[in-house]
Amino acid sequence: MEQLGHTLLITLAYVGLGLVLFAFAFWIITKISPVSIKKELEDDQNTALAIVIASVIIGIALIVSAAIHG
């Protein structure tokens, strides 16, 4: 039971780290973008921008996954 608690704690720490990295990456994308991300995605339905943002999120997910796996 002690091992389960330790594993759960480590998993929650990596989940928190991943969420922080995702939020930070999205914040950076919105700051360096010359246009409004919200307007482009919601109003103009810019699929290319959505694909770029999804690619960044997948890249960060791979990095976090590699860090967890070792």
PDB file of N, CA and C in Angstrom:
ATOM      1  N   MET A   1       0.824  -1.192   0.000  1.00  0.00           N
ATOM      2  CA  MET A   1       0.000   0.000   0.000  1.00  0.00           C
ATOM      3  C   MET A   1       0.871   1.261   0.000  1.00  0.00           C
ATOM      4  N   GLU A   2       2.021   1.181   0.669  1.00  0.00           N
ATOM      5  CA  GLU A   2       2.934   2.322   0.699  1.00  0.00           C
ATOM      6  C   GLU A   2       3.482   2.623  -0.690  1.00  0.00           C
ATOM      7  N   GLN A   3       3.774   1.564  -1.460  1.00  0.00           N
ATOM      8  CA  GLN A   3       4.271   1.730  -2.832  1.00  0.00           C
ATOM      9  C   GLN A   3       3.216   2.406  -3.708  1.00  0.00           C
ATOM     10  N   LEU A   4       1.953   2.063  -3.509  1.00  0.00           N
ATOM     11  CA  LEU A   4       0.870   2.672  -4.286  1.00  0.00           C
ATOM     12  C   LEU A   4       0.778   4.168  -4.003  1.00  0.00           C
ATOM     13  N   GLY A   5       0.893   4.555  -2.744  1.00  0.00           N
ATOM     14  CA  GLY A   5       0.851   5.962  -2.377  1.00  0.00           C
ATOM     15  C   GLY A   5       2.011   6.736  -2.989  1.00  0.00           C
ATOM     16  N   HIS A   6       3.192   6.140  -2.973  1.00  0.00           N
ATOM     17  CA  HIS A   6       4.377   6.780  -3.551  1.00  0.00           C
ATOM     18  C   HIS A   6       4.213   6.949  -5.068  1.00  0.00           C
ATOM     19  N   THR A   7       3.734   5.907  -5.741  1.00  0.00           N
ATOM     20  CA  THR A   7       3.517   5.970  -7.183  1.00  0.00           C
ATOM     21  C   THR A   7       2.457   7.009  -7.526  1.00  0.00           C
ATOM     22  N   LEU A   8       1.399   7.070  -6.747  1.00  0.00           N
ATOM     23  CA  LEU A   8       0.345   8.048  -6.977  1.00  0.00           C
ATOM     24  C   LEU A   8       0.872   9.474  -6.800  1.00  0.00           C
ATOM     25  N   LEU A   9       1.704   9.683  -5.803  1.00  0.00           N
ATOM     26  CA  LEU A   9       2.283  11.004  -5.565  1.00  0.00           C
ATOM     27  C   LEU A   9       3.189  11.436  -6.720  1.00  0.00           C
ATOM     28  N   ILE A  10       4.001  10.531  -7.203  1.00  0.00           N
ATOM     29  CA  ILE A  10       4.881  10.840  -8.329  1.00  0.00           C
ATOM     30  C   ILE A  10       4.057  11.116  -9.586  1.00  0.00           C
ATOM     31  N   THR A  11       3.021  10.323  -9.811  1.00  0.00           N
ATOM     32  CA  THR A  11       2.159  10.533 -10.977  1.00  0.00           C
ATOM     33  C   THR A  11       1.499  11.902 -10.921  1.00  0.00           C
ATOM     34  N   LEU A  12       0.997  12.292  -9.768  1.00  0.00           N
ATOM     35  CA  LEU A  12       0.371  13.609  -9.626  1.00  0.00           C
ATOM     36  C   LEU A  12       1.382  14.739  -9.828  1.00  0.00           C
ATOM     37  N   ALA A  13       2.611  14.533  -9.404  1.00  0.00           N
ATOM     38  CA  ALA A  13       3.646  15.543  -9.611  1.00  0.00           C
ATOM     39  C   ALA A  13       3.927  15.725 -11.101  1.00  0.00           C
ATOM     40  N   TYR A  14       4.008  14.616 -11.853  1.00  0.00           N
ATOM     41  CA  TYR A  14       4.246  14.724 -13.294  1.00  0.00           C
ATOM     42  C   TYR A  14       3.041  15.304 -14.028  1.00  0.00           C
ATOM     43  N   VAL A  15       1.833  14.987 -13.557  1.00  0.00           N
ATOM     44  CA  VAL A  15       0.636  15.593 -14.153  1.00  0.00           C
ATOM     45  C   VAL A  15       0.678  17.103 -13.950  1.00  0.00           C
ATOM     46  N   GLY A  16       1.016  17.534 -12.752  1.00  0.00           N
ATOM     47  CA  GLY A  16       1.119  18.966 -12.477  1.00  0.00           C
ATOM     48  C   GLY A  16       2.191  19.622 -13.332  1.00  0.00           C
ATOM     49  N   LEU A  17       3.335  18.973 -13.455  1.00  0.00           N
ATOM     50  CA  LEU A  17       4.411  19.497 -14.295  1.00  0.00           C
ATOM     51  C   LEU A  17       3.971  19.594 -15.748  1.00  0.00           C
ATOM     52  N   GLY A  18       3.297  18.584 -16.238  1.00  0.00           N
ATOM     53  CA  GLY A  18       2.822  18.600 -17.621  1.00  0.00           C
ATOM     54  C   GLY A  18       1.819  19.715 -17.865  1.00  0.00           C
ATOM     55  N   LEU A  19       0.896  19.913 -16.936  1.00  0.00           N
ATOM     56  CA  LEU A  19      -0.090  20.980 -17.090  1.00  0.00           C
ATOM     57  C   LEU A  19       0.558  22.358 -17.063  1.00  0.00           C
ATOM     58  N   VAL A  20       1.543  22.520 -16.203  1.00  0.00           N
ATOM     59  CA  VAL A  20       2.259  23.796 -16.148  1.00  0.00           C
ATOM     60  C   VAL A  20       3.011  24.043 -17.451  1.00  0.00           C
ATOM     61  N   LEU A  21       3.651  23.024 -17.976  1.00  0.00           N
ATOM     62  CA  LEU A  21       4.371  23.176 -19.246  1.00  0.00           C
ATOM     63  C   LEU A  21       3.423  23.471 -20.403  1.00  0.00           C
ATOM     64  N   PHE A  22       2.259  22.802 -20.428  1.00  0.00           N
ATOM     65  CA  PHE A  22       1.276  23.090 -21.470  1.00  0.00           C
ATOM     66  C   PHE A  22       0.798  24.526 -21.383  1.00  0.00           C
ATOM     67  N   ALA A  23       0.489  24.985 -20.182  1.00  0.00           N
ATOM     68  CA  ALA A  23       0.011  26.355 -20.002  1.00  0.00           C
ATOM     69  C   ALA A  23       1.098  27.350 -20.403  1.00  0.00           C
ATOM     70  N   PHE A  24       2.331  27.081 -20.022  1.00  0.00           N
ATOM     71  CA  PHE A  24       3.442  27.966 -20.361  1.00  0.00           C
ATOM     72  C   PHE A  24       3.653  28.014 -21.878  1.00  0.00           C
ATOM     73  N   ALA A  25       3.584  26.874 -22.544  1.00  0.00           N
ATOM     74  CA  ALA A  25       3.765  26.834 -23.999  1.00  0.00           C
ATOM     75  C   ALA A  25       2.645  27.593 -24.703  1.00  0.00           C
ATOM     76  N   PHE A  26       1.421  27.416 -24.246  1.00  0.00           N
ATOM     77  CA  PHE A  26       0.308  28.139 -24.865  1.00  0.00           C
ATOM     78  C   PHE A  26       0.436  29.633 -24.618  1.00  0.00           C
ATOM     79  N   TRP A  27       0.895  30.015 -23.429  1.00  0.00           N
ATOM     80  CA  TRP A  27       1.102  31.430 -23.116  1.00  0.00           C
ATOM     81  C   TRP A  27       2.163  32.036 -24.042  1.00  0.00           C
ATOM     82  N   ILE A  28       3.235  31.298 -24.256  1.00  0.00           N
ATOM     83  CA  ILE A  28       4.286  31.774 -25.152  1.00  0.00           C
ATOM     84  C   ILE A  28       3.753  31.915 -26.575  1.00  0.00           C
ATOM     85  N   ILE A  29       2.963  30.945 -27.026  1.00  0.00           N
ATOM     86  CA  ILE A  29       2.400  31.016 -28.372  1.00  0.00           C
ATOM     87  C   ILE A  29       1.523  32.253 -28.516  1.00  0.00           C
ATOM     88  N   THR A  30       0.714  32.541 -27.510  1.00  0.00           N
ATOM     89  CA  THR A  30      -0.163  33.716 -27.601  1.00  0.00           C
ATOM     90  C   THR A  30       0.626  35.013 -27.558  1.00  0.00           C
ATOM     91  N   LYS A  31       1.758  35.037 -26.850  1.00  0.00           N
ATOM     92  CA  LYS A  31       2.564  36.255 -26.775  1.00  0.00           C
ATOM     93  C   LYS A  31       3.355  36.524 -28.044  1.00  0.00           C
ATOM     94  N   ILE A  32       3.874  35.497 -28.695  1.00  0.00           N
ATOM     95  CA  ILE A  32       4.691  35.716 -29.885  1.00  0.00           C
ATOM     96  C   ILE A  32       3.866  35.770 -31.165  1.00  0.00           C
ATOM     97  N   SER A  33       2.598  35.387 -31.072  1.00  0.00           N
ATOM     98  CA  SER A  33       1.750  35.402 -32.258  1.00  0.00           C
ATOM     99  C   SER A  33       1.355  36.836 -32.610  1.00  0.00           C
ATOM    100  N   PRO A  34       1.454  37.196 -33.886  1.00  0.00           N
ATOM    101  CA  PRO A  34       1.085  38.564 -34.284  1.00  0.00           C
ATOM    102  C   PRO A  34      -0.428  38.785 -34.367  1.00  0.00           C
ATOM    103  N   VAL A  35      -1.212  37.700 -34.292  1.00  0.00           N
ATOM    104  CA  VAL A  35      -2.668  37.812 -34.371  1.00  0.00           C
ATOM    105  C   VAL A  35      -3.296  37.245 -33.103  1.00  0.00           C
ATOM    106  N   SER A  36      -4.565  37.516 -32.913  1.00  0.00           N
ATOM    107  CA  SER A  36      -5.286  36.986 -31.766  1.00  0.00           C
ATOM    108  C   SER A  36      -5.584  35.499 -31.985  1.00  0.00           C
ATOM    109  N   ILE A  37      -5.068  34.664 -31.091  1.00  0.00           N
ATOM    110  CA  ILE A  37      -5.282  33.219 -31.205  1.00  0.00           C
ATOM    111  C   ILE A  37      -6.768  32.889 -31.090  1.00  0.00           C
ATOM    112  N   LYS A  38      -7.429  33.507 -30.135  1.00  0.00           N
ATOM    113  CA  LYS A  38      -8.853  33.233 -29.919  1.00  0.00           C
ATOM    114  C   LYS A  38      -9.668  33.597 -31.152  1.00  0.00           C
ATOM    115  N   LYS A  39      -9.393  34.759 -31.736  1.00  0.00           N
ATOM    116  CA  LYS A  39     -10.131  35.196 -32.920  1.00  0.00           C
ATOM    117  C   LYS A  39      -9.869  34.254 -34.084  1.00  0.00           C
ATOM    118  N   GLU A  40      -8.625  33.900 -34.276  1.00  0.00           N
ATOM    119  CA  GLU A  40      -8.272  33.031 -35.402  1.00  0.00           C
ATOM    120  C   GLU A  40      -8.907  31.648 -35.275  1.00  0.00           C
ATOM    121  N   LEU A  41      -8.930  31.090 -34.063  1.00  0.00           N
ATOM    122  CA  LEU A  41      -9.474  29.748 -33.885  1.00  0.00           C
ATOM    123  C   LEU A  41     -10.996  29.732 -33.877  1.00  0.00           C
ATOM    124  N   GLU A  42     -11.606  30.653 -33.141  1.00  0.00           N
ATOM    125  CA  GLU A  42     -13.052  30.625 -32.982  1.00  0.00           C
ATOM    126  C   GLU A  42     -13.792  31.301 -34.130  1.00  0.00           C
ATOM    127  N   ASP A  43     -13.401  32.511 -34.485  1.00  0.00           N
ATOM    128  CA  ASP A  43     -14.145  33.269 -35.486  1.00  0.00           C
ATOM    129  C   ASP A  43     -13.767  32.878 -36.914  1.00  0.00           C
ATOM    130  N   ASP A  44     -12.477  32.850 -37.198  1.00  0.00           N
ATOM    131  CA  ASP A  44     -12.014  32.577 -38.562  1.00  0.00           C
ATOM    132  C   ASP A  44     -11.842  31.084 -38.850  1.00  0.00           C
ATOM    133  N   GLN A  45     -11.876  30.255 -37.821  1.00  0.00           N
ATOM    134  CA  GLN A  45     -11.709  28.800 -37.926  1.00  0.00           C
ATOM    135  C   GLN A  45     -10.441  28.436 -38.716  1.00  0.00           C
ATOM    136  N   ASN A  46      -9.340  29.006 -38.255  1.00  0.00           N
ATOM    137  CA  ASN A  46      -8.041  28.804 -38.896  1.00  0.00           C
ATOM    138  C   ASN A  46      -7.501  27.424 -38.518  1.00  0.00           C
ATOM    139  N   THR A  47      -7.649  26.470 -39.422  1.00  0.00           N
ATOM    140  CA  THR A  47      -7.237  25.096 -39.171  1.00  0.00           C
ATOM    141  C   THR A  47      -5.719  24.972 -39.072  1.00  0.00           C
ATOM    142  N   ALA A  48      -4.991  25.738 -39.860  1.00  0.00           N
ATOM    143  CA  ALA A  48      -3.525  25.659 -39.848  1.00  0.00           C
ATOM    144  C   ALA A  48      -2.978  26.069 -38.482  1.00  0.00           C
ATOM    145  N   LEU A  49      -3.534  27.114 -37.894  1.00  0.00           N
ATOM    146  CA  LEU A  49      -3.091  27.548 -36.573  1.00  0.00           C
ATOM    147  C   LEU A  49      -3.415  26.494 -35.526  1.00  0.00           C
ATOM    148  N   ALA A  50      -4.572  25.863 -35.644  1.00  0.00           N
ATOM    149  CA  ALA A  50      -4.934  24.801 -34.706  1.00  0.00           C
ATOM    150  C   ALA A  50      -3.970  23.628 -34.807  1.00  0.00           C
ATOM    151  N   ILE A  51      -3.527  23.320 -36.014  1.00  0.00           N
ATOM    152  CA  ILE A  51      -2.566  22.226 -36.204  1.00  0.00           C
ATOM    153  C   ILE A  51      -1.216  22.584 -35.594  1.00  0.00           C
ATOM    154  N   VAL A  52      -0.785  23.828 -35.736  1.00  0.00           N
ATOM    155  CA  VAL A  52       0.490  24.263 -35.142  1.00  0.00           C
ATOM    156  C   VAL A  52       0.419  24.174 -33.615  1.00  0.00           C
ATOM    157  N   ILE A  53      -0.662  24.645 -33.031  1.00  0.00           N
ATOM    158  CA  ILE A  53      -0.801  24.586 -31.574  1.00  0.00           C
ATOM    159  C   ILE A  53      -0.867  23.137 -31.100  1.00  0.00           C
ATOM    160  N   ALA A  54      -1.595  22.297 -31.833  1.00  0.00           N
ATOM    161  CA  ALA A  54      -1.656  20.879 -31.478  1.00  0.00           C
ATOM    162  C   ALA A  54      -0.276  20.223 -31.569  1.00  0.00           C
ATOM    163  N   SER A  55       0.520  20.627 -32.551  1.00  0.00           N
ATOM    164  CA  SER A  55       1.875  20.084 -32.695  1.00  0.00           C
ATOM    165  C   SER A  55       2.756  20.463 -31.512  1.00  0.00           C
ATOM    166  N   VAL A  56       2.617  21.685 -31.042  1.00  0.00           N
ATOM    167  CA  VAL A  56       3.383  22.120 -29.872  1.00  0.00           C
ATOM    168  C   VAL A  56       2.963  21.310 -28.652  1.00  0.00           C
ATOM    169  N   ILE A  57       1.678  21.103 -28.481  1.00  0.00           N
ATOM    170  CA  ILE A  57       1.189  20.339 -27.329  1.00  0.00           C
ATOM    171  C   ILE A  57       1.673  18.892 -27.398  1.00  0.00           C
ATOM    172  N   ILE A  58       1.625  18.287 -28.580  1.00  0.00           N
ATOM    173  CA  ILE A  58       2.117  16.916 -28.720  1.00  0.00           C
ATOM    174  C   ILE A  58       3.616  16.843 -28.454  1.00  0.00           C
ATOM    175  N   GLY A  59       4.371  17.836 -28.926  1.00  0.00           N
ATOM    176  CA  GLY A  59       5.811  17.870 -28.655  1.00  0.00           C
ATOM    177  C   GLY A  59       6.116  17.949 -27.183  1.00  0.00           C
ATOM    178  N   ILE A  60       5.388  18.787 -26.469  1.00  0.00           N
ATOM    179  CA  ILE A  60       5.602  18.890 -25.018  1.00  0.00           C
ATOM    180  C   ILE A  60       5.204  17.590 -24.326  1.00  0.00           C
ATOM    181  N   ALA A  61       4.126  16.970 -24.804  1.00  0.00           N
ATOM    182  CA  ALA A  61       3.707  15.694 -24.224  1.00  0.00           C
ATOM    183  C   ALA A  61       4.789  14.633 -24.404  1.00  0.00           C
ATOM    184  N   LEU A  62       5.444  14.625 -25.555  1.00  0.00           N
ATOM    185  CA  LEU A  62       6.521  13.659 -25.783  1.00  0.00           C
ATOM    186  C   LEU A  62       7.715  13.923 -24.875  1.00  0.00           C
ATOM    187  N   ILE A  63       8.029  15.195 -24.663  1.00  0.00           N
ATOM    188  CA  ILE A  63       9.147  15.537 -23.791  1.00  0.00           C
ATOM    189  C   ILE A  63       8.847  15.137 -22.345  1.00  0.00           C
ATOM    190  N   VAL A  64       7.649  15.437 -21.877  1.00  0.00           N
ATOM    191  CA  VAL A  64       7.270  15.063 -20.502  1.00  0.00           C
ATOM    192  C   VAL A  64       7.245  13.544 -20.367  1.00  0.00           C
ATOM    193  N   SER A  65       6.731  12.857 -21.379  1.00  0.00           N
ATOM    194  CA  SER A  65       6.685  11.402 -21.346  1.00  0.00           C
ATOM    195  C   SER A  65       8.095  10.793 -21.288  1.00  0.00           C
ATOM    196  N   ALA A  66       9.010  11.353 -22.059  1.00  0.00           N
ATOM    197  CA  ALA A  66      10.393  10.873 -22.035  1.00  0.00           C
ATOM    198  C   ALA A  66      11.045  11.145 -20.674  1.00  0.00           C
ATOM    199  N   ALA A  67      10.705  12.285 -20.071  1.00  0.00           N
ATOM    200  CA  ALA A  67      11.260  12.590 -18.756  1.00  0.00           C
ATOM    201  C   ALA A  67      10.733  11.646 -17.695  1.00  0.00           C
ATOM    202  N   ILE A  68       9.477  11.263 -17.816  1.00  0.00           N
ATOM    203  CA  ILE A  68       8.891  10.325 -16.845  1.00  0.00           C
ATOM    204  C   ILE A  68       9.499   8.941 -17.027  1.00  0.00           C
ATOM    205  N   HIS A  69       9.610   8.513 -18.259  1.00  0.00           N
ATOM    206  CA  HIS A  69      10.088   7.161 -18.542  1.00  0.00           C
ATOM    207  C   HIS A  69      11.560   6.996 -18.212  1.00  0.00           C
ATOM    208  N   GLY A  70      12.319   8.067 -18.355  1.00  0.00           N
ATOM    209  CA  GLY A  70      13.733   8.006 -18.001  1.00  0.00           C
ATOM    210  C   GLY A  70      14.550   7.782 -19.165  1.00  0.00           C
TER     211      GLY A  70
END
